Amino acid sequence: MRDFSLDSVLRYLRLYSHFLRFAASRALQFRAELLFRVLMDVFFYTVFLGFYKILYQHTAHIGQWDEAQALIFVSGFLVVDGLQMTFFADMYHQFQVLYRQGGLDHYLTKPISAWFFVGFRNINFASLINVFIALGIFSYFLAKAPFTFSAIALFVYLALLCLSAFLYYLVMFAMLMSIFWTESAEGPLSIYFECVNFASRPHHIFKGALRTLLLTLVPFSVFASLPAQAFFEDVGWGLVAHVLLVVAGFFLLNLWLWNKGLKRYASAFG
């Protein structure tokens, strides 16, 4: 995926549109699964938001944020979670199967970036409804917010949430690619899912080296907390630049790990 010409970009966009259409038609064939996913995530959202409502019955601030700000942050995290569940999560489960059974060979023979094909092929449209539910929750808390904000601040915040979902994928895929060296990514994945809990907490509550790690090399606080702070500052451009740099860094790390990993990959044909 080194050709960044306009024709190449348009080619990948056309291919992705085919992925989307296929995923949509597949989701409509399994309506029971669609209903189950919606109910499951609504329950998760209720418990998650209820946890913060209980916390603010005992304190006025968590970190530097009051209840209104924290609920906007949390609903933003739910949007990020919904986006990654829709566009990336199915890949996490299938990549290990592809590697172990030699199915990765099929992707390597395509005349496009195998990294792109593996990472973006699997879309779960059943989770897209939950993105809209999360956006509805976000809109509700935003409408109740006792502070003003500009349209550009809101636009930048939503754009950063989309970037954060992509970063969620990049960090996950970087850990998944440990399978090229260890033959199993279960350990790194278990660590990852435990660390995701950091992403649902305001980054102000962490101090010292841990906070620095969560904003850079282990960027779970970049997923939702940093975009929220940039929004509350009516576009904190330094924070926006920080998010962009972290995303760019993990994108390059993904490509480097992929190319290194493929040199170690033994195909099904030996």
C-alpha atoms as a PDB file:
ATOM      1  CA  MET A   1       0.000   0.000   0.000  1.00  0.00           C
ATOM      2  CA  ARG A   2       2.735   2.388  -0.983  1.00  0.00           C
ATOM      3  CA  ASP A   3       1.054   3.956  -4.011  1.00  0.00           C
ATOM      4  CA  PHE A   4      -0.773   7.043  -2.765  1.00  0.00           C
ATOM      5  CA  SER A   5      -1.725   8.415  -6.194  1.00  0.00           C
ATOM      6  CA  LEU A   6      -5.281   9.626  -6.772  1.00  0.00           C
ATOM      7  CA  ASP A   7      -6.093   6.633  -8.987  1.00  0.00           C
ATOM      8  CA  SER A   8      -4.865   4.240  -6.327  1.00  0.00           C
ATOM      9  CA  VAL A   9      -6.879   5.951  -3.578  1.00  0.00           C
ATOM     10  CA  LEU A  10     -10.033   5.885  -5.717  1.00  0.00           C
ATOM     11  CA  ARG A  11      -9.436   2.215  -6.459  1.00  0.00           C
ATOM     12  CA  TYR A  12      -9.305   1.381  -2.771  1.00  0.00           C
ATOM     13  CA  LEU A  13     -12.416   3.474  -2.089  1.00  0.00           C
ATOM     14  CA  ARG A  14     -14.321   1.589  -4.808  1.00  0.00           C
ATOM     15  CA  LEU A  15     -13.174  -1.706  -3.344  1.00  0.00           C
ATOM     16  CA  TYR A  16     -14.273  -0.641   0.130  1.00  0.00           C
ATOM     17  CA  SER A  17     -17.699   0.341  -1.222  1.00  0.00           C
ATOM     18  CA  HIS A  18     -18.053  -3.273  -2.432  1.00  0.00           C
ATOM     19  CA  PHE A  19     -17.124  -4.500   1.045  1.00  0.00           C
ATOM     20  CA  LEU A  20     -19.857  -2.278   2.498  1.00  0.00           C
ATOM     21  CA  ARG A  21     -22.533  -3.489   0.088  1.00  0.00           C
ATOM     22  CA  PHE A  22     -21.688  -7.130   0.715  1.00  0.00           C
ATOM     23  CA  ALA A  23     -21.744  -6.606   4.487  1.00  0.00           C
ATOM     24  CA  ALA A  24     -25.128  -4.846   4.301  1.00  0.00           C
ATOM     25  CA  SER A  25     -26.734  -7.643   2.310  1.00  0.00           C
ATOM     26  CA  ARG A  26     -25.288 -10.249   4.679  1.00  0.00           C
ATOM     27  CA  ALA A  27     -26.596  -8.426   7.766  1.00  0.00           C
ATOM     28  CA  LEU A  28     -30.157  -8.387   6.382  1.00  0.00           C
ATOM     29  CA  GLN A  29     -30.048 -12.177   6.047  1.00  0.00           C
ATOM     30  CA  PHE A  30     -29.431 -12.647   9.784  1.00  0.00           C
ATOM     31  CA  ARG A  31     -31.999 -10.393  11.451  1.00  0.00           C
ATOM     32  CA  ALA A  32     -32.047 -12.342  14.717  1.00  0.00           C
ATOM     33  CA  GLU A  33     -28.331 -11.635  15.152  1.00  0.00           C
ATOM     34  CA  LEU A  34     -29.013  -7.979  14.376  1.00  0.00           C
ATOM     35  CA  LEU A  35     -31.626  -7.780  17.145  1.00  0.00           C
ATOM     36  CA  PHE A  36     -29.413  -9.623  19.619  1.00  0.00           C
ATOM     37  CA  ARG A  37     -26.469  -7.273  19.030  1.00  0.00           C
ATOM     38  CA  VAL A  38     -28.666  -4.212  19.527  1.00  0.00           C
ATOM     39  CA  LEU A  39     -30.119  -5.535  22.794  1.00  0.00           C
ATOM     40  CA  MET A  40     -26.708  -6.614  24.065  1.00  0.00           C
ATOM     41  CA  ASP A  41     -25.134  -3.221  23.410  1.00  0.00           C
ATOM     42  CA  VAL A  42     -28.090  -1.274  24.822  1.00  0.00           C
ATOM     43  CA  PHE A  43     -27.658  -3.246  28.052  1.00  0.00           C
ATOM     44  CA  PHE A  44     -23.913  -2.494  28.011  1.00  0.00           C
ATOM     45  CA  TYR A  45     -24.548   1.222  27.462  1.00  0.00           C
ATOM     46  CA  THR A  46     -27.056   1.345  30.307  1.00  0.00           C
ATOM     47  CA  VAL A  47     -24.673  -0.290  32.781  1.00  0.00           C
ATOM     48  CA  PHE A  48     -21.750   1.835  31.616  1.00  0.00           C
ATOM     49  CA  LEU A  49     -23.569   5.162  31.917  1.00  0.00           C
ATOM     50  CA  GLY A  50     -25.164   4.094  35.190  1.00  0.00           C
ATOM     51  CA  PHE A  51     -21.687   3.551  36.647  1.00  0.00           C
ATOM     52  CA  TYR A  52     -20.754   7.188  35.978  1.00  0.00           C
ATOM     53  CA  LYS A  53     -24.092   8.480  37.283  1.00  0.00           C
ATOM     54  CA  ILE A  54     -23.426   6.658  40.549  1.00  0.00           C
ATOM     55  CA  LEU A  55     -19.888   8.052  40.772  1.00  0.00           C
ATOM     56  CA  TYR A  56     -21.151  11.624  40.428  1.00  0.00           C
ATOM     57  CA  GLN A  57     -23.574  11.120  43.285  1.00  0.00           C
ATOM     58  CA  HIS A  58     -20.475  11.076  45.510  1.00  0.00           C
ATOM     59  CA  THR A  59     -18.214  13.669  43.875  1.00  0.00           C
ATOM     60  CA  ALA A  60     -18.513  16.825  41.794  1.00  0.00           C
ATOM     61  CA  HIS A  61     -15.464  16.156  39.620  1.00  0.00           C
ATOM     62  CA  ILE A  62     -13.461  13.221  38.292  1.00  0.00           C
ATOM     63  CA  GLY A  63     -10.085  14.494  37.259  1.00  0.00           C
ATOM     64  CA  GLN A  64     -10.880  17.946  35.853  1.00  0.00           C
ATOM     65  CA  TRP A  65     -14.355  17.131  34.490  1.00  0.00           C
ATOM     66  CA  ASP A  66     -17.780  17.653  35.985  1.00  0.00           C
ATOM     67  CA  GLU A  67     -20.675  15.277  35.359  1.00  0.00           C
ATOM     68  CA  ALA A  68     -21.816  16.906  32.099  1.00  0.00           C
ATOM     69  CA  GLN A  69     -18.324  16.747  30.619  1.00  0.00           C
ATOM     70  CA  ALA A  70     -17.743  13.181  31.797  1.00  0.00           C
ATOM     71  CA  LEU A  71     -20.994  11.950  30.255  1.00  0.00           C
ATOM     72  CA  ILE A  72     -20.095  13.563  26.926  1.00  0.00           C
ATOM     73  CA  PHE A  73     -16.683  11.885  27.135  1.00  0.00           C
ATOM     74  CA  VAL A  74     -18.221   8.506  27.986  1.00  0.00           C
ATOM     75  CA  SER A  75     -20.804   8.705  25.202  1.00  0.00           C
ATOM     76  CA  GLY A  76     -17.954   9.611  22.829  1.00  0.00           C
ATOM     77  CA  PHE A  77     -16.147   6.462  23.947  1.00  0.00           C
ATOM     78  CA  LEU A  78     -19.317   4.487  23.160  1.00  0.00           C
ATOM     79  CA  VAL A  79     -19.286   5.948  19.636  1.00  0.00           C
ATOM     80  CA  VAL A  80     -15.652   4.833  19.196  1.00  0.00           C
ATOM     81  CA  ASP A  81     -16.510   1.379  20.515  1.00  0.00           C
ATOM     82  CA  GLY A  82     -19.495   1.114  18.154  1.00  0.00           C
ATOM     83  CA  LEU A  83     -17.418   2.156  15.153  1.00  0.00           C
ATOM     84  CA  GLN A  84     -14.664  -0.355  15.813  1.00  0.00           C
ATOM     85  CA  MET A  85     -17.216  -3.107  16.482  1.00  0.00           C
ATOM     86  CA  THR A  86     -18.836  -2.343  13.115  1.00  0.00           C
ATOM     87  CA  PHE A  87     -15.813  -1.900  10.899  1.00  0.00           C
ATOM     88  CA  PHE A  88     -12.946  -3.812  12.518  1.00  0.00           C
ATOM     89  CA  ALA A  89     -13.897  -6.250  15.302  1.00  0.00           C
ATOM     90  CA  ASP A  90     -14.706  -9.225  13.075  1.00  0.00           C
ATOM     91  CA  MET A  91     -11.191  -9.066  11.653  1.00  0.00           C
ATOM     92  CA  TYR A  92      -9.693  -9.622  15.111  1.00  0.00           C
ATOM     93  CA  HIS A  93     -11.282 -13.044  15.370  1.00  0.00           C
ATOM     94  CA  GLN A  94     -10.704 -14.128  11.771  1.00  0.00           C
ATOM     95  CA  PHE A  95      -7.075 -13.095  11.364  1.00  0.00           C
ATOM     96  CA  GLN A  96      -5.766 -15.819  13.672  1.00  0.00           C
ATOM     97  CA  VAL A  97      -7.840 -18.417  11.824  1.00  0.00           C
ATOM     98  CA  LEU A  98      -6.485 -17.179   8.493  1.00  0.00           C
ATOM     99  CA  TYR A  99      -2.929 -17.453   9.781  1.00  0.00           C
ATOM    100  CA  ARG A 100      -3.234 -20.917  11.306  1.00  0.00           C
ATOM    101  CA  GLN A 101      -5.172 -22.516   8.456  1.00  0.00           C
ATOM    102  CA  GLY A 102      -3.195 -20.945   5.627  1.00  0.00           C
ATOM    103  CA  GLY A 103      -6.129 -18.815   4.478  1.00  0.00           C
ATOM    104  CA  LEU A 104      -3.849 -15.803   4.480  1.00  0.00           C
ATOM    105  CA  ASP A 105      -2.395 -17.120   1.205  1.00  0.00           C
ATOM    106  CA  HIS A 106      -5.610 -16.127  -0.567  1.00  0.00           C
ATOM    107  CA  TYR A 107      -5.175 -12.502   0.463  1.00  0.00           C
ATOM    108  CA  LEU A 108      -1.508 -12.385  -0.482  1.00  0.00           C
ATOM    109  CA  THR A 109      -2.304 -13.306  -4.091  1.00  0.00           C
ATOM    110  CA  LYS A 110      -4.604 -10.303  -4.625  1.00  0.00           C
ATOM    111  CA  PRO A 111      -3.302  -7.378  -6.721  1.00  0.00           C
ATOM    112  CA  ILE A 112      -3.861  -4.973  -3.807  1.00  0.00           C
ATOM    113  CA  SER A 113      -2.398  -4.439  -0.362  1.00  0.00           C
ATOM    114  CA  ALA A 114      -2.925  -7.622   1.662  1.00  0.00           C
ATOM    115  CA  TRP A 115      -2.822  -5.513   4.837  1.00  0.00           C
ATOM    116  CA  PHE A 116      -5.786  -3.500   3.555  1.00  0.00           C
ATOM    117  CA  PHE A 117      -7.704  -6.564   2.370  1.00  0.00           C
ATOM    118  CA  VAL A 118      -7.277  -8.448   5.651  1.00  0.00           C
ATOM    119  CA  GLY A 119      -7.983  -5.439   7.843  1.00  0.00           C
ATOM    120  CA  PHE A 120     -10.964  -3.917   6.062  1.00  0.00           C
ATOM    121  CA  ARG A 121     -12.701  -6.860   4.413  1.00  0.00           C
ATOM    122  CA  ASN A 122     -14.854  -7.873   7.387  1.00  0.00           C
ATOM    123  CA  ILE A 123     -17.598  -5.366   8.254  1.00  0.00           C
ATOM    124  CA  ASN A 124     -20.430  -6.161  10.642  1.00  0.00           C
ATOM    125  CA  PHE A 125     -23.423  -4.071   9.637  1.00  0.00           C
ATOM    126  CA  ALA A 126     -25.395  -5.550  12.535  1.00  0.00           C
ATOM    127  CA  SER A 127     -23.382  -3.277  14.849  1.00  0.00           C
ATOM    128  CA  LEU A 128     -24.014  -0.138  12.795  1.00  0.00           C
ATOM    129  CA  ILE A 129     -27.347   0.447  14.540  1.00  0.00           C
ATOM    130  CA  ASN A 130     -25.449   0.612  17.804  1.00  0.00           C
ATOM    131  CA  VAL A 131     -23.300   3.413  16.384  1.00  0.00           C
ATOM    132  CA  PHE A 132     -26.468   5.432  15.823  1.00  0.00           C
ATOM    133  CA  ILE A 133     -27.691   4.577  19.326  1.00  0.00           C
ATOM    134  CA  ALA A 134     -24.360   5.774  20.739  1.00  0.00           C
ATOM    135  CA  LEU A 135     -24.614   8.957  18.643  1.00  0.00           C
ATOM    136  CA  GLY A 136     -28.122   9.464  20.002  1.00  0.00           C
ATOM    137  CA  ILE A 137     -26.829   9.184  23.579  1.00  0.00           C
ATOM    138  CA  PHE A 138     -24.005  11.567  22.716  1.00  0.00           C
ATOM    139  CA  SER A 139     -26.456  14.073  21.188  1.00  0.00           C
ATOM    140  CA  TYR A 140     -28.678  13.888  24.268  1.00  0.00           C
ATOM    141  CA  PHE A 141     -25.866  14.717  26.699  1.00  0.00           C
ATOM    142  CA  LEU A 142     -24.521  17.355  24.336  1.00  0.00           C
ATOM    143  CA  ALA A 143     -27.918  19.081  24.221  1.00  0.00           C
ATOM    144  CA  LYS A 144     -28.032  19.116  28.029  1.00  0.00           C
ATOM    145  CA  ALA A 145     -24.486  20.480  28.386  1.00  0.00           C
ATOM    146  CA  PRO A 146     -24.362  23.720  30.434  1.00  0.00           C
ATOM    147  CA  PHE A 147     -21.650  25.211  28.218  1.00  0.00           C
ATOM    148  CA  THR A 148     -21.455  26.547  24.680  1.00  0.00           C
ATOM    149  CA  PHE A 149     -19.355  25.210  21.839  1.00  0.00           C
ATOM    150  CA  SER A 150     -18.730  26.110  18.217  1.00  0.00           C
ATOM    151  CA  ALA A 151     -19.824  24.094  15.196  1.00  0.00           C
ATOM    152  CA  ILE A 152     -16.201  23.625  14.160  1.00  0.00           C
ATOM    153  CA  ALA A 153     -15.337  22.260  17.615  1.00  0.00           C
ATOM    154  CA  LEU A 154     -18.114  19.691  17.299  1.00  0.00           C
ATOM    155  CA  PHE A 155     -17.030  18.742  13.775  1.00  0.00           C
ATOM    156  CA  VAL A 156     -13.414  18.303  14.859  1.00  0.00           C
ATOM    157  CA  TYR A 157     -14.492  16.234  17.863  1.00  0.00           C
ATOM    158  CA  LEU A 158     -16.549  13.855  15.725  1.00  0.00           C
ATOM    159  CA  ALA A 159     -13.683  13.582  13.227  1.00  0.00           C
ATOM    160  CA  LEU A 160     -11.308  12.742  16.090  1.00  0.00           C
ATOM    161  CA  LEU A 161     -13.695  10.040  17.320  1.00  0.00           C
ATOM    162  CA  CYS A 162     -13.591   8.436  13.858  1.00  0.00           C
ATOM    163  CA  LEU A 163      -9.790   8.637  13.900  1.00  0.00           C
ATOM    164  CA  SER A 164      -9.824   7.130  17.381  1.00  0.00           C
ATOM    165  CA  ALA A 165     -11.800   4.119  16.125  1.00  0.00           C
ATOM    166  CA  PHE A 166      -9.119   3.672  13.454  1.00  0.00           C
ATOM    167  CA  LEU A 167      -6.421   3.971  16.130  1.00  0.00           C
ATOM    168  CA  TYR A 168      -8.267   1.339  18.186  1.00  0.00           C
ATOM    169  CA  TYR A 169      -7.926  -0.959  15.176  1.00  0.00           C
ATOM    170  CA  LEU A 170      -4.269  -0.078  14.561  1.00  0.00           C
ATOM    171  CA  VAL A 171      -3.227  -0.818  18.132  1.00  0.00           C
ATOM    172  CA  MET A 172      -5.201  -4.067  18.137  1.00  0.00           C
ATOM    173  CA  PHE A 173      -3.789  -5.206  14.794  1.00  0.00           C
ATOM    174  CA  ALA A 174      -0.242  -4.382  15.922  1.00  0.00           C
ATOM    175  CA  MET A 175      -0.718  -6.737  18.876  1.00  0.00           C
ATOM    176  CA  LEU A 176      -2.409  -9.361  16.691  1.00  0.00           C
ATOM    177  CA  MET A 177       0.618  -9.466  14.415  1.00  0.00           C
ATOM    178  CA  SER A 178       2.645 -10.900  17.283  1.00  0.00           C
ATOM    179  CA  ILE A 179       1.279 -14.207  15.925  1.00  0.00           C
ATOM    180  CA  PHE A 180       3.946 -14.089  13.204  1.00  0.00           C
ATOM    181  CA  TRP A 181       6.587 -14.589  15.912  1.00  0.00           C
ATOM    182  CA  THR A 182       4.728 -16.446  18.686  1.00  0.00           C
ATOM    183  CA  GLU A 183       2.213 -18.573  16.700  1.00  0.00           C
ATOM    184  CA  SER A 184      -0.527 -17.308  19.043  1.00  0.00           C
ATOM    185  CA  ALA A 185      -1.835 -13.836  19.850  1.00  0.00           C
ATOM    186  CA  GLU A 186      -4.117 -14.872  22.728  1.00  0.00           C
ATOM    187  CA  GLY A 187      -1.805 -13.427  25.391  1.00  0.00           C
ATOM    188  CA  PRO A 188      -1.418  -9.979  23.800  1.00  0.00           C
ATOM    189  CA  LEU A 189      -5.155  -9.853  23.056  1.00  0.00           C
ATOM    190  CA  SER A 190      -6.028 -10.629  26.672  1.00  0.00           C
ATOM    191  CA  ILE A 191      -3.740  -7.816  27.801  1.00  0.00           C
ATOM    192  CA  TYR A 192      -5.271  -5.494  25.220  1.00  0.00           C
ATOM    193  CA  PHE A 193      -8.863  -6.079  26.316  1.00  0.00           C
ATOM    194  CA  GLU A 194      -7.907  -5.493  29.937  1.00  0.00           C
ATOM    195  CA  CYS A 195      -6.147  -2.251  29.004  1.00  0.00           C
ATOM    196  CA  VAL A 196      -9.196  -0.978  27.100  1.00  0.00           C
ATOM    197  CA  ASN A 197     -10.606  -0.148  30.548  1.00  0.00           C
ATOM    198  CA  PHE A 198      -8.111   2.729  30.624  1.00  0.00           C
ATOM    199  CA  ALA A 199      -9.811   4.210  27.560  1.00  0.00           C
ATOM    200  CA  SER A 200     -13.091   4.602  29.442  1.00  0.00           C
ATOM    201  CA  ARG A 201     -11.500   6.730  32.170  1.00  0.00           C
ATOM    202  CA  PRO A 202     -10.581  10.452  31.957  1.00  0.00           C
ATOM    203  CA  HIS A 203      -6.851  10.691  31.348  1.00  0.00           C
ATOM    204  CA  HIS A 204      -6.480  13.326  34.093  1.00  0.00           C
ATOM    205  CA  ILE A 205      -6.848  10.674  36.796  1.00  0.00           C
ATOM    206  CA  PHE A 206      -3.581   9.013  35.740  1.00  0.00           C
ATOM    207  CA  LYS A 207      -0.280  10.507  36.786  1.00  0.00           C
ATOM    208  CA  GLY A 208       3.394  10.402  35.881  1.00  0.00           C
ATOM    209  CA  ALA A 209       4.835   7.762  33.582  1.00  0.00           C
ATOM    210  CA  LEU A 210       1.532   5.862  33.330  1.00  0.00           C
ATOM    211  CA  ARG A 211      -0.256   8.917  31.937  1.00  0.00           C
ATOM    212  CA  THR A 212       2.571   9.520  29.450  1.00  0.00           C
ATOM    213  CA  LEU A 213       2.370   5.903  28.254  1.00  0.00           C
ATOM    214  CA  LEU A 214      -1.423   6.072  27.880  1.00  0.00           C
ATOM    215  CA  LEU A 215      -1.063   9.140  25.679  1.00  0.00           C
ATOM    216  CA  THR A 216       1.756   7.804  23.481  1.00  0.00           C
ATOM    217  CA  LEU A 217       3.139   4.263  23.292  1.00  0.00           C
ATOM    218  CA  VAL A 218       0.070   2.589  24.831  1.00  0.00           C
ATOM    219  CA  PRO A 219      -2.455   5.158  23.580  1.00  0.00           C
ATOM    220  CA  PHE A 220      -5.681   4.049  25.243  1.00  0.00           C
ATOM    221  CA  SER A 221      -6.337   7.557  26.583  1.00  0.00           C
ATOM    222  CA  VAL A 222      -6.118   8.862  23.014  1.00  0.00           C
ATOM    223  CA  PHE A 223      -9.186   6.805  22.021  1.00  0.00           C
ATOM    224  CA  ALA A 224     -11.759   9.139  23.598  1.00  0.00           C
ATOM    225  CA  SER A 225     -10.323  11.155  26.475  1.00  0.00           C
ATOM    226  CA  LEU A 226      -7.951  13.340  24.462  1.00  0.00           C
ATOM    227  CA  PRO A 227     -10.556  14.182  21.766  1.00  0.00           C
ATOM    228  CA  ALA A 228     -12.991  15.138  24.545  1.00  0.00           C
ATOM    229  CA  GLN A 229     -10.459  17.487  26.134  1.00  0.00           C
ATOM    230  CA  ALA A 230      -9.801  19.091  22.752  1.00  0.00           C
ATOM    231  CA  PHE A 231     -13.572  19.614  22.402  1.00  0.00           C
ATOM    232  CA  PHE A 232     -13.972  21.131  25.861  1.00  0.00           C
ATOM    233  CA  GLU A 233     -11.205  23.589  25.031  1.00  0.00           C
ATOM    234  CA  ASP A 234     -13.180  24.649  21.908  1.00  0.00           C
ATOM    235  CA  VAL A 235     -10.663  22.913  19.647  1.00  0.00           C
ATOM    236  CA  GLY A 236      -7.391  22.458  21.445  1.00  0.00           C
ATOM    237  CA  TRP A 237      -5.281  22.293  18.300  1.00  0.00           C
ATOM    238  CA  GLY A 238      -2.241  20.978  20.148  1.00  0.00           C
ATOM    239  CA  LEU A 239      -4.298  18.023  21.323  1.00  0.00           C
ATOM    240  CA  VAL A 240      -5.630  17.497  17.789  1.00  0.00           C
ATOM    241  CA  ALA A 241      -2.054  17.402  16.488  1.00  0.00           C
ATOM    242  CA  HIS A 242      -1.168  14.900  19.208  1.00  0.00           C
ATOM    243  CA  VAL A 243      -3.970  12.552  18.112  1.00  0.00           C
ATOM    244  CA  LEU A 244      -2.926  12.840  14.457  1.00  0.00           C
ATOM    245  CA  LEU A 245       0.711  12.068  15.267  1.00  0.00           C
ATOM    246  CA  VAL A 246      -0.178   9.007  17.352  1.00  0.00           C
ATOM    247  CA  VAL A 247      -2.472   7.675  14.589  1.00  0.00           C
ATOM    248  CA  ALA A 248       0.217   8.261  11.954  1.00  0.00           C
ATOM    249  CA  GLY A 249       2.830   6.564  14.136  1.00  0.00           C
ATOM    250  CA  PHE A 250       0.736   3.438  14.667  1.00  0.00           C
ATOM    251  CA  PHE A 251      -0.207   3.329  10.983  1.00  0.00           C
ATOM    252  CA  LEU A 252       3.476   3.218  10.027  1.00  0.00           C
ATOM    253  CA  LEU A 253       4.128   0.674  12.786  1.00  0.00           C
ATOM    254  CA  ASN A 254       1.374  -1.542  11.351  1.00  0.00           C
ATOM    255  CA  LEU A 255       2.881  -1.495   7.876  1.00  0.00           C
ATOM    256  CA  TRP A 256       6.358  -2.213   9.257  1.00  0.00           C
ATOM    257  CA  LEU A 257       5.147  -5.136  11.397  1.00  0.00           C
ATOM    258  CA  TRP A 258       3.123  -6.517   8.487  1.00  0.00           C
ATOM    259  CA  ASN A 259       6.077  -6.509   6.116  1.00  0.00           C
ATOM    260  CA  LYS A 260       8.393  -8.006   8.742  1.00  0.00           C
ATOM    261  CA  GLY A 261       5.807 -10.596   9.724  1.00  0.00           C
ATOM    262  CA  LEU A 262       5.196 -11.772   6.175  1.00  0.00           C
ATOM    263  CA  LYS A 263       8.886 -12.657   5.884  1.00  0.00           C
ATOM    264  CA  ARG A 264       8.338 -15.147   8.694  1.00  0.00           C
ATOM    265  CA  TYR A 265       5.010 -16.448   7.450  1.00  0.00           C
ATOM    266  CA  ALA A 266       5.002 -20.034   6.173  1.00  0.00           C
ATOM    267  CA  SER A 267       2.123 -20.453   3.764  1.00  0.00           C
ATOM    268  CA  ALA A 268      -0.112 -23.502   3.509  1.00  0.00           C
ATOM    269  CA  PHE A 269       1.963 -24.548   0.504  1.00  0.00           C
ATOM    270  CA  GLY A 270       5.223 -24.562   2.451  1.00  0.00           C
END
